[in-house]
C-alpha atoms as a PDB file:
ATOM      1  CA  MET A   1      16.109 -16.185 -43.602  1.00  0.00           C
ATOM      2  CA  LEU A   2      16.098 -12.587 -44.141  1.00  0.00           C
ATOM      3  CA  GLU A   3      12.762 -12.859 -46.030  1.00  0.00           C
ATOM      4  CA  LYS A   4      11.179 -15.029 -43.222  1.00  0.00           C
ATOM      5  CA  ILE A   5      12.332 -12.223 -40.799  1.00  0.00           C
ATOM      6  CA  ARG A   6      10.693  -9.606 -42.643  1.00  0.00           C
ATOM      7  CA  GLU A   7       7.652 -11.536 -43.050  1.00  0.00           C
ATOM      8  CA  LEU A   8       7.403 -12.029 -39.239  1.00  0.00           C
ATOM      9  CA  GLU A   9       8.169  -8.329 -38.884  1.00  0.00           C
ATOM     10  CA  ARG A  10       5.187  -7.368 -41.003  1.00  0.00           C
ATOM     11  CA  ALA A  11       2.939  -9.632 -38.764  1.00  0.00           C
ATOM     12  CA  ALA A  12       4.321  -8.286 -35.619  1.00  0.00           C
ATOM     13  CA  ARG A  13       3.670  -4.709 -36.911  1.00  0.00           C
ATOM     14  CA  GLN A  14      -0.089  -5.087 -36.534  1.00  0.00           C
ATOM     15  CA  LEU A  15       0.624  -4.727 -32.757  1.00  0.00           C
ATOM     16  CA  ASP A  16       2.434  -1.460 -33.340  1.00  0.00           C
ATOM     17  CA  PRO A  17      -0.318   0.625 -35.125  1.00  0.00           C
ATOM     18  CA  GLY A  18       0.433   4.121 -36.457  1.00  0.00           C
ATOM     19  CA  PRO A  19      -1.149   7.307 -34.756  1.00  0.00           C
ATOM     20  CA  GLU A  20      -4.353   7.293 -36.860  1.00  0.00           C
ATOM     21  CA  GLN A  21      -5.059   3.804 -36.010  1.00  0.00           C
ATOM     22  CA  ARG A  22      -4.228   4.488 -32.364  1.00  0.00           C
ATOM     23  CA  ARG A  23      -6.426   7.346 -31.912  1.00  0.00           C
ATOM     24  CA  ALA A  24      -9.369   5.456 -33.560  1.00  0.00           C
ATOM     25  CA  TRP A  25      -9.006   2.666 -31.270  1.00  0.00           C
ATOM     26  CA  PHE A  26      -8.404   4.874 -28.205  1.00  0.00           C
ATOM     27  CA  ALA A  27     -11.689   6.837 -29.023  1.00  0.00           C
ATOM     28  CA  GLN A  28     -13.616   3.344 -29.275  1.00  0.00           C
ATOM     29  CA  ALA A  29     -12.398   2.255 -26.021  1.00  0.00           C
ATOM     30  CA  GLY A  30     -13.099   5.590 -24.554  1.00  0.00           C
ATOM     31  CA  ASP A  31     -16.775   5.368 -25.780  1.00  0.00           C
ATOM     32  CA  TYR A  32     -17.098   1.861 -24.096  1.00  0.00           C
ATOM     33  CA  ALA A  33     -15.566   3.398 -21.055  1.00  0.00           C
ATOM     34  CA  GLU A  34     -18.050   6.163 -20.954  1.00  0.00           C
ATOM     35  CA  ALA A  35     -20.874   3.941 -21.641  1.00  0.00           C
ATOM     36  CA  PHE A  36     -19.903   1.458 -18.861  1.00  0.00           C
ATOM     37  CA  LEU A  37     -19.509   4.465 -16.299  1.00  0.00           C
ATOM     38  CA  GLY A  38     -22.713   5.982 -17.509  1.00  0.00           C
ATOM     39  CA  ALA A  39     -24.657   2.709 -16.842  1.00  0.00           C
ATOM     40  CA  LEU A  40     -23.001   1.992 -13.532  1.00  0.00           C
ATOM     41  CA  PRO A  41     -25.328   3.545 -11.057  1.00  0.00           C
ATOM     42  CA  GLY A  42     -28.218   1.383 -12.253  1.00  0.00           C
ATOM     43  CA  ALA A  43     -26.324  -1.772 -12.793  1.00  0.00           C
ATOM     44  CA  ARG A  44     -26.868  -4.961 -10.824  1.00  0.00           C
ATOM     45  CA  THR A  45     -23.979  -5.655  -8.354  1.00  0.00           C
ATOM     46  CA  TYR A  46     -24.163  -9.494  -9.343  1.00  0.00           C
ATOM     47  CA  ALA A  47     -25.464 -10.775 -12.530  1.00  0.00           C
ATOM     48  CA  ARG A  48     -26.024 -14.554 -12.690  1.00  0.00           C
ATOM     49  CA  ASP A  49     -23.884 -16.443 -15.011  1.00  0.00           C
ATOM     50  CA  HIS A  50     -25.619 -19.028 -17.380  1.00  0.00           C
ATOM     51  CA  GLY A  51     -22.643 -21.026 -18.441  1.00  0.00           C
ATOM     52  CA  HIS A  52     -22.309 -19.958 -21.853  1.00  0.00           C
ATOM     53  CA  ASP A  53     -18.499 -19.987 -22.590  1.00  0.00           C
ATOM     54  CA  GLY A  54     -17.910 -17.736 -25.790  1.00  0.00           C
ATOM     55  CA  PHE A  55     -14.214 -18.199 -25.452  1.00  0.00           C
ATOM     56  CA  ALA A  56     -14.594 -21.860 -25.946  1.00  0.00           C
ATOM     57  CA  GLU A  57     -16.529 -21.022 -29.204  1.00  0.00           C
ATOM     58  CA  HIS A  58     -14.206 -18.214 -30.455  1.00  0.00           C
ATOM     59  CA  PRO A  59     -10.592 -19.349 -29.233  1.00  0.00           C
ATOM     60  CA  PRO A  60      -7.656 -16.848 -29.829  1.00  0.00           C
ATOM     61  CA  GLY A  61      -6.575 -17.031 -33.338  1.00  0.00           C
ATOM     62  CA  GLU A  62      -4.259 -15.504 -35.994  1.00  0.00           C
ATOM     63  CA  THR A  63      -6.827 -13.237 -37.684  1.00  0.00           C
ATOM     64  CA  PRO A  64      -7.454  -9.919 -35.883  1.00  0.00           C
ATOM     65  CA  ALA A  65     -11.122  -8.758 -35.313  1.00  0.00           C
ATOM     66  CA  PRO A  66     -12.366  -5.031 -35.672  1.00  0.00           C
ATOM     67  CA  MET A  67     -12.363  -3.279 -32.238  1.00  0.00           C
ATOM     68  CA  ALA A  68     -16.067  -2.946 -32.289  1.00  0.00           C
ATOM     69  CA  GLU A  69     -16.455  -6.611 -32.427  1.00  0.00           C
ATOM     70  CA  VAL A  70     -13.669  -7.161 -29.685  1.00  0.00           C
ATOM     71  CA  LEU A  71     -15.404  -4.641 -27.420  1.00  0.00           C
ATOM     72  CA  ASP A  72     -18.864  -6.178 -28.147  1.00  0.00           C
ATOM     73  CA  PHE A  73     -17.509  -9.727 -27.293  1.00  0.00           C
ATOM     74  CA  PHE A  74     -15.864  -8.432 -24.131  1.00  0.00           C
ATOM     75  CA  ARG A  75     -18.987  -6.634 -22.955  1.00  0.00           C
ATOM     76  CA  ARG A  76     -21.091  -9.800 -23.577  1.00  0.00           C
ATOM     77  CA  GLU A  77     -18.462 -12.432 -22.071  1.00  0.00           C
ATOM     78  CA  VAL A  78     -16.864 -10.547 -19.317  1.00  0.00           C
ATOM     79  CA  ASP A  79     -18.604  -7.496 -18.388  1.00  0.00           C
ATOM     80  CA  THR A  80     -22.003  -8.396 -17.999  1.00  0.00           C
ATOM     81  CA  THR A  81     -21.803 -11.569 -15.751  1.00  0.00           C
ATOM     82  CA  GLY A  82     -20.793 -12.322 -11.888  1.00  0.00           C
ATOM     83  CA  ILE A  83     -19.858  -9.650  -9.594  1.00  0.00           C
ATOM     84  CA  LEU A  84     -19.379  -6.014 -10.498  1.00  0.00           C
ATOM     85  CA  PRO A  85     -16.738  -4.805  -8.265  1.00  0.00           C
ATOM     86  CA  ALA A  86     -16.857  -1.265  -9.627  1.00  0.00           C
ATOM     87  CA  SER A  87     -20.581  -1.045  -8.170  1.00  0.00           C
ATOM     88  CA  GLY A  88     -21.200   0.516  -4.970  1.00  0.00           C
ATOM     89  CA  GLY A  89     -23.202  -2.381  -3.809  1.00  0.00           C
ATOM     90  CA  GLN A  90     -20.120  -4.694  -3.685  1.00  0.00           C
ATOM     91  CA  LEU A  91     -19.493  -4.963  -0.134  1.00  0.00           C
ATOM     92  CA  GLY A  92     -17.606  -8.308   0.171  1.00  0.00           C
ATOM     93  CA  TYR A  93     -14.290  -6.720   0.390  1.00  0.00           C
ATOM     94  CA  ILE A  94     -12.495  -3.386  -0.429  1.00  0.00           C
ATOM     95  CA  PRO A  95     -12.738  -3.378  -4.153  1.00  0.00           C
ATOM     96  CA  GLY A  96     -10.898  -1.451  -6.621  1.00  0.00           C
ATOM     97  CA  GLY A  97     -13.824   0.587  -7.454  1.00  0.00           C
ATOM     98  CA  GLY A  98     -13.169   1.155 -11.330  1.00  0.00           C
ATOM     99  CA  LEU A  99     -11.739   4.619 -10.599  1.00  0.00           C
ATOM    100  CA  PHE A 100     -11.209   6.445 -13.801  1.00  0.00           C
ATOM    101  CA  PRO A 101      -7.910   8.397 -12.598  1.00  0.00           C
ATOM    102  CA  SER A 102      -6.461   5.026 -11.431  1.00  0.00           C
ATOM    103  CA  ALA A 103      -7.569   3.505 -14.905  1.00  0.00           C
ATOM    104  CA  LEU A 104      -5.670   6.446 -16.736  1.00  0.00           C
ATOM    105  CA  GLY A 105      -2.509   5.862 -14.413  1.00  0.00           C
ATOM    106  CA  ASP A 106      -2.813   2.122 -15.333  1.00  0.00           C
ATOM    107  CA  PHE A 107      -2.846   3.099 -19.057  1.00  0.00           C
ATOM    108  CA  LEU A 108       0.118   5.393 -18.956  1.00  0.00           C
ATOM    109  CA  ALA A 109       2.068   2.684 -16.991  1.00  0.00           C
ATOM    110  CA  ASP A 110       1.198   0.060 -19.496  1.00  0.00           C
ATOM    111  CA  ILE A 111       2.159   2.432 -22.421  1.00  0.00           C
ATOM    112  CA  SER A 112       5.604   3.544 -20.783  1.00  0.00           C
ATOM    113  CA  ASN A 113       6.166  -0.053 -19.285  1.00  0.00           C
ATOM    114  CA  ARG A 114       8.488   1.254 -16.801  1.00  0.00           C
ATOM    115  CA  TYR A 115       9.965  -1.212 -14.365  1.00  0.00           C
ATOM    116  CA  SER A 116       9.956  -0.353 -10.837  1.00  0.00           C
ATOM    117  CA  GLY A 117      11.433  -3.686  -9.256  1.00  0.00           C
ATOM    118  CA  VAL A 118      15.004  -2.433  -9.456  1.00  0.00           C
ATOM    119  CA  ALA A 119      16.064   1.250  -8.867  1.00  0.00           C
ATOM    120  CA  PHE A 120      18.818   1.116 -11.210  1.00  0.00           C
ATOM    121  CA  ALA A 121      16.558   0.161 -14.134  1.00  0.00           C
ATOM    122  CA  GLY A 122      13.681   2.466 -13.266  1.00  0.00           C
ATOM    123  CA  PRO A 123      14.701   4.939 -10.708  1.00  0.00           C
ATOM    124  CA  GLY A 124      11.724   7.257 -11.080  1.00  0.00           C
ATOM    125  CA  ALA A 125       9.164   4.254 -10.862  1.00  0.00           C
ATOM    126  CA  ALA A 126      10.954   2.902  -7.890  1.00  0.00           C
ATOM    127  CA  ARG A 127      10.819   6.211  -6.197  1.00  0.00           C
ATOM    128  CA  MET A 128       7.106   6.555  -7.019  1.00  0.00           C
ATOM    129  CA  GLU A 129       6.380   3.072  -5.601  1.00  0.00           C
ATOM    130  CA  GLY A 130       8.534   4.038  -2.431  1.00  0.00           C
ATOM    131  CA  SER A 131       6.617   7.229  -2.111  1.00  0.00           C
ATOM    132  CA  LEU A 132       3.197   5.639  -2.145  1.00  0.00           C
ATOM    133  CA  VAL A 133       4.113   2.909   0.319  1.00  0.00           C
ATOM    134  CA  ARG A 134       5.299   5.664   2.757  1.00  0.00           C
ATOM    135  CA  TRP A 135       2.053   7.588   2.196  1.00  0.00           C
ATOM    136  CA  MET A 136      -0.104   4.478   3.075  1.00  0.00           C
ATOM    137  CA  CYS A 137       2.073   3.691   6.043  1.00  0.00           C
ATOM    138  CA  GLN A 138       0.910   7.269   7.238  1.00  0.00           C
ATOM    139  CA  LEU A 139      -2.471   6.816   6.586  1.00  0.00           C
ATOM    140  CA  VAL A 140      -2.822   3.751   8.923  1.00  0.00           C
ATOM    141  CA  GLY A 141      -0.333   5.143  11.395  1.00  0.00           C
ATOM    142  CA  TYR A 142       2.711   3.059  10.937  1.00  0.00           C
ATOM    143  CA  PRO A 143       6.010   4.167  12.497  1.00  0.00           C
ATOM    144  CA  ASP A 144       8.554   5.950  10.295  1.00  0.00           C
ATOM    145  CA  GLY A 145      10.648   2.802   9.882  1.00  0.00           C
ATOM    146  CA  ALA A 146       7.843   0.836   8.178  1.00  0.00           C
ATOM    147  CA  ALA A 147       8.254  -0.303   4.634  1.00  0.00           C
ATOM    148  CA  GLY A 148       6.785  -2.681   2.038  1.00  0.00           C
ATOM    149  CA  ASP A 149       5.843  -3.125  -1.738  1.00  0.00           C
ATOM    150  CA  LEU A 150       3.007  -2.910  -3.916  1.00  0.00           C
ATOM    151  CA  THR A 151       1.406  -6.395  -4.809  1.00  0.00           C
ATOM    152  CA  SER A 152      -0.849  -7.539  -7.653  1.00  0.00           C
ATOM    153  CA  GLY A 153      -3.434  -8.236  -5.165  1.00  0.00           C
ATOM    154  CA  GLY A 154      -4.631  -9.669  -1.938  1.00  0.00           C
ATOM    155  CA  SER A 155      -3.176 -13.326  -2.561  1.00  0.00           C
ATOM    156  CA  MET A 156       0.331 -12.072  -3.038  1.00  0.00           C
ATOM    157  CA  ALA A 157       0.199  -9.708  -0.150  1.00  0.00           C
ATOM    158  CA  THR A 158      -0.968 -12.439   2.282  1.00  0.00           C
ATOM    159  CA  LEU A 159       1.837 -14.735   1.009  1.00  0.00           C
ATOM    160  CA  SER A 160       4.395 -11.797   1.653  1.00  0.00           C
ATOM    161  CA  ALA A 161       2.677 -11.375   5.131  1.00  0.00           C
ATOM    162  CA  LEU A 162       2.919 -14.990   6.089  1.00  0.00           C
ATOM    163  CA  VAL A 163       6.486 -15.324   4.881  1.00  0.00           C
ATOM    164  CA  THR A 164       7.442 -12.078   6.920  1.00  0.00           C
ATOM    165  CA  ALA A 165       5.848 -13.439  10.074  1.00  0.00           C
ATOM    166  CA  ARG A 166       7.471 -16.818   9.707  1.00  0.00           C
ATOM    167  CA  ASP A 167      11.027 -15.299   9.490  1.00  0.00           C
ATOM    168  CA  ALA A 168      10.303 -12.772  12.044  1.00  0.00           C
ATOM    169  CA  ARG A 169       9.329 -15.247  14.529  1.00  0.00           C
ATOM    170  CA  GLY A 170      12.309 -17.479  13.610  1.00  0.00           C
ATOM    171  CA  ILE A 171      10.235 -20.328  12.431  1.00  0.00           C
ATOM    172  CA  ASP A 172      12.933 -22.219  10.719  1.00  0.00           C
ATOM    173  CA  PRO A 173      12.342 -25.925   9.484  1.00  0.00           C
ATOM    174  CA  SER A 174      13.272 -27.300  12.870  1.00  0.00           C
ATOM    175  CA  LYS A 175      10.306 -25.483  14.312  1.00  0.00           C
ATOM    176  CA  VAL A 176       7.570 -25.986  11.879  1.00  0.00           C
ATOM    177  CA  ALA A 177       6.293 -29.468  13.378  1.00  0.00           C
ATOM    178  CA  ALA A 178       5.580 -27.494  16.662  1.00  0.00           C
ATOM    179  CA  SER A 179       3.862 -24.484  14.865  1.00  0.00           C
ATOM    180  CA  CYS A 180       0.136 -23.976  14.151  1.00  0.00           C
ATOM    181  CA  ILE A 181      -1.808 -20.856  12.735  1.00  0.00           C
ATOM    182  CA  TYR A 182      -5.335 -20.012  14.107  1.00  0.00           C
ATOM    183  CA  LEU A 183      -7.856 -18.711  11.512  1.00  0.00           C
ATOM    184  CA  THR A 184     -11.408 -17.531  11.889  1.00  0.00           C
ATOM    185  CA  ALA A 185     -14.166 -18.970   9.845  1.00  0.00           C
ATOM    186  CA  GLN A 186     -14.378 -16.017   7.744  1.00  0.00           C
ATOM    187  CA  ALA A 187     -10.637 -16.129   6.881  1.00  0.00           C
ATOM    188  CA  HIS A 188     -10.057 -15.673   3.141  1.00  0.00           C
ATOM    189  CA  HIS A 189      -9.235 -18.637   0.868  1.00  0.00           C
ATOM    190  CA  CYS A 190      -6.025 -16.909  -0.016  1.00  0.00           C
ATOM    191  CA  ILE A 191      -4.622 -17.640   3.494  1.00  0.00           C
ATOM    192  CA  GLY A 192      -4.726 -21.338   2.592  1.00  0.00           C
ATOM    193  CA  LYS A 193      -3.226 -20.936  -0.967  1.00  0.00           C
ATOM    194  CA  ALA A 194      -0.359 -18.886   0.879  1.00  0.00           C
ATOM    195  CA  LEU A 195       0.345 -21.475   3.608  1.00  0.00           C
ATOM    196  CA  HIS A 196       0.552 -24.186   0.951  1.00  0.00           C
ATOM    197  CA  VAL A 197       3.244 -22.255  -0.896  1.00  0.00           C
ATOM    198  CA  VAL A 198       5.133 -21.450   2.153  1.00  0.00           C
ATOM    199  CA  ARG A 199       5.013 -24.797   3.908  1.00  0.00           C
ATOM    200  CA  ASN A 200       8.445 -26.980   4.010  1.00  0.00           C
ATOM    201  CA  PRO A 201       7.759 -30.012   1.797  1.00  0.00           C
ATOM    202  CA  ARG A 202       9.991 -32.045   4.344  1.00  0.00           C
ATOM    203  CA  THR A 203       7.335 -31.554   7.122  1.00  0.00           C
ATOM    204  CA  GLY A 204       4.092 -31.960   4.899  1.00  0.00           C
ATOM    205  CA  HIS A 205       0.765 -30.800   6.260  1.00  0.00           C
ATOM    206  CA  LYS A 206       2.343 -30.226   9.641  1.00  0.00           C
ATOM    207  CA  TYR A 207       3.671 -26.828   8.525  1.00  0.00           C
ATOM    208  CA  LEU A 208       1.848 -24.081  10.415  1.00  0.00           C
ATOM    209  CA  LEU A 209      -1.102 -26.519  10.864  1.00  0.00           C
ATOM    210  CA  PRO A 210      -4.452 -24.594  10.301  1.00  0.00           C
ATOM    211  CA  ARG A 211      -6.989 -24.605  13.060  1.00  0.00           C
ATOM    212  CA  ARG A 212     -10.284 -22.754  12.369  1.00  0.00           C
ATOM    213  CA  ILE A 213     -12.280 -21.317  15.168  1.00  0.00           C
ATOM    214  CA  SER A 214     -15.863 -19.717  15.166  1.00  0.00           C
ATOM    215  CA  VAL A 215     -16.697 -15.888  14.813  1.00  0.00           C
ATOM    216  CA  ALA A 216     -19.067 -14.787  17.476  1.00  0.00           C
ATOM    217  CA  ASP A 217     -21.718 -12.526  16.040  1.00  0.00           C
ATOM    218  CA  TYR A 218     -19.745 -12.452  12.805  1.00  0.00           C
ATOM    219  CA  THR A 219     -17.504  -9.836  13.920  1.00  0.00           C
ATOM    220  CA  ILE A 220     -15.502 -10.901  17.187  1.00  0.00           C
ATOM    221  CA  SER A 221     -13.639 -14.147  17.370  1.00  0.00           C
ATOM    222  CA  ASN A 222     -14.727 -16.562  20.124  1.00  0.00           C
ATOM    223  CA  LEU A 223     -11.890 -16.109  22.422  1.00  0.00           C
ATOM    224  CA  TYR A 224     -13.143 -18.995  24.742  1.00  0.00           C
ATOM    225  CA  GLU A 225     -13.050 -21.374  21.906  1.00  0.00           C
ATOM    226  CA  TRP A 226      -9.765 -20.106  20.832  1.00  0.00           C
ATOM    227  CA  SER A 227      -8.344 -20.676  24.230  1.00  0.00           C
ATOM    228  CA  ASP A 228      -9.748 -24.080  24.445  1.00  0.00           C
ATOM    229  CA  SER A 229      -8.337 -25.172  21.068  1.00  0.00           C
ATOM    230  CA  ARG A 230      -4.815 -24.037  22.414  1.00  0.00           C
ATOM    231  CA  ARG A 231      -5.116 -26.703  25.082  1.00  0.00           C
ATOM    232  CA  SER A 232      -6.396 -29.459  22.805  1.00  0.00           C
ATOM    233  CA  PRO A 233      -4.067 -32.590  22.691  1.00  0.00           C
ATOM    234  CA  GLU A 234      -3.542 -32.126  18.884  1.00  0.00           C
ATOM    235  CA  ARG A 235      -2.125 -28.582  19.500  1.00  0.00           C
ATOM    236  CA  ALA A 236      -0.338 -29.251  22.913  1.00  0.00           C
ATOM    237  CA  GLY A 237       3.095 -27.850  22.736  1.00  0.00           C
ATOM    238  CA  ARG A 238       2.644 -25.997  19.506  1.00  0.00           C
ATOM    239  CA  ALA A 239       3.777 -22.415  18.951  1.00  0.00           C
ATOM    240  CA  THR A 240       1.084 -19.917  17.760  1.00  0.00           C
ATOM    241  CA  PRO A 241       2.010 -17.511  14.869  1.00  0.00           C
ATOM    242  CA  PRO A 242      -0.217 -14.457  14.611  1.00  0.00           C
ATOM    243  CA  ALA A 243      -3.901 -15.306  13.628  1.00  0.00           C
ATOM    244  CA  GLY A 244      -5.091 -14.662   9.978  1.00  0.00           C
ATOM    245  CA  THR A 245      -7.340 -11.703   9.189  1.00  0.00           C
ATOM    246  CA  CYS A 246     -10.652 -11.810   7.856  1.00  0.00           C
ATOM    247  CA  GLY A 247      -9.639 -10.940   4.258  1.00  0.00           C
ATOM    248  CA  PRO A 248      -6.549  -9.685   2.176  1.00  0.00           C
END
């Protein structure tokens, strides 16, 4: 048993390299990042994917590969196909931007792996999150009592928002059958996913029944159609939670 444990430890140590190996990997990753950022101004915002799946041909295995080979595979299979969110031409939503200072922050957070979910476990990390949330509330003019948290993305943020709206409006299981939600035709698909998660299984599809309305000139909701839809027999007597936004 002890020999088996030592054997497993030796295998696991490959993921915990010494300082010399760390510096070598860090330099290679840094060179890749510099090359990416250097080519960014002339890069295409969207590159058509031709359907070649390198991951199917080279699935994860037990044998490690050289960093140069891994980076080349990453560039070929991930970094040169589809939408490039770091590009200035990506206007579909508010993208992350590939900001270098933010990437360094992510790197340090991943290395230290501090936990911000509970203040007792990571007081400093929890305070930092609270400080960032308060700062963001001030940016958009929210009152001093406003609060929130940092999520992994728009889907989780939308789920949190819908649950908050549901609870704030007192939409308990006895009221869900008399409720629906109005969305514009441009509403992000994550709203539908969030509605599926928060619905009450006992009421099925009737939970916050979605109703899509058109967008006039692609910017302003058609209020006349919205008003008519409220009077439709299908929606008669239904309460109306806040309408969805155009995206997370």
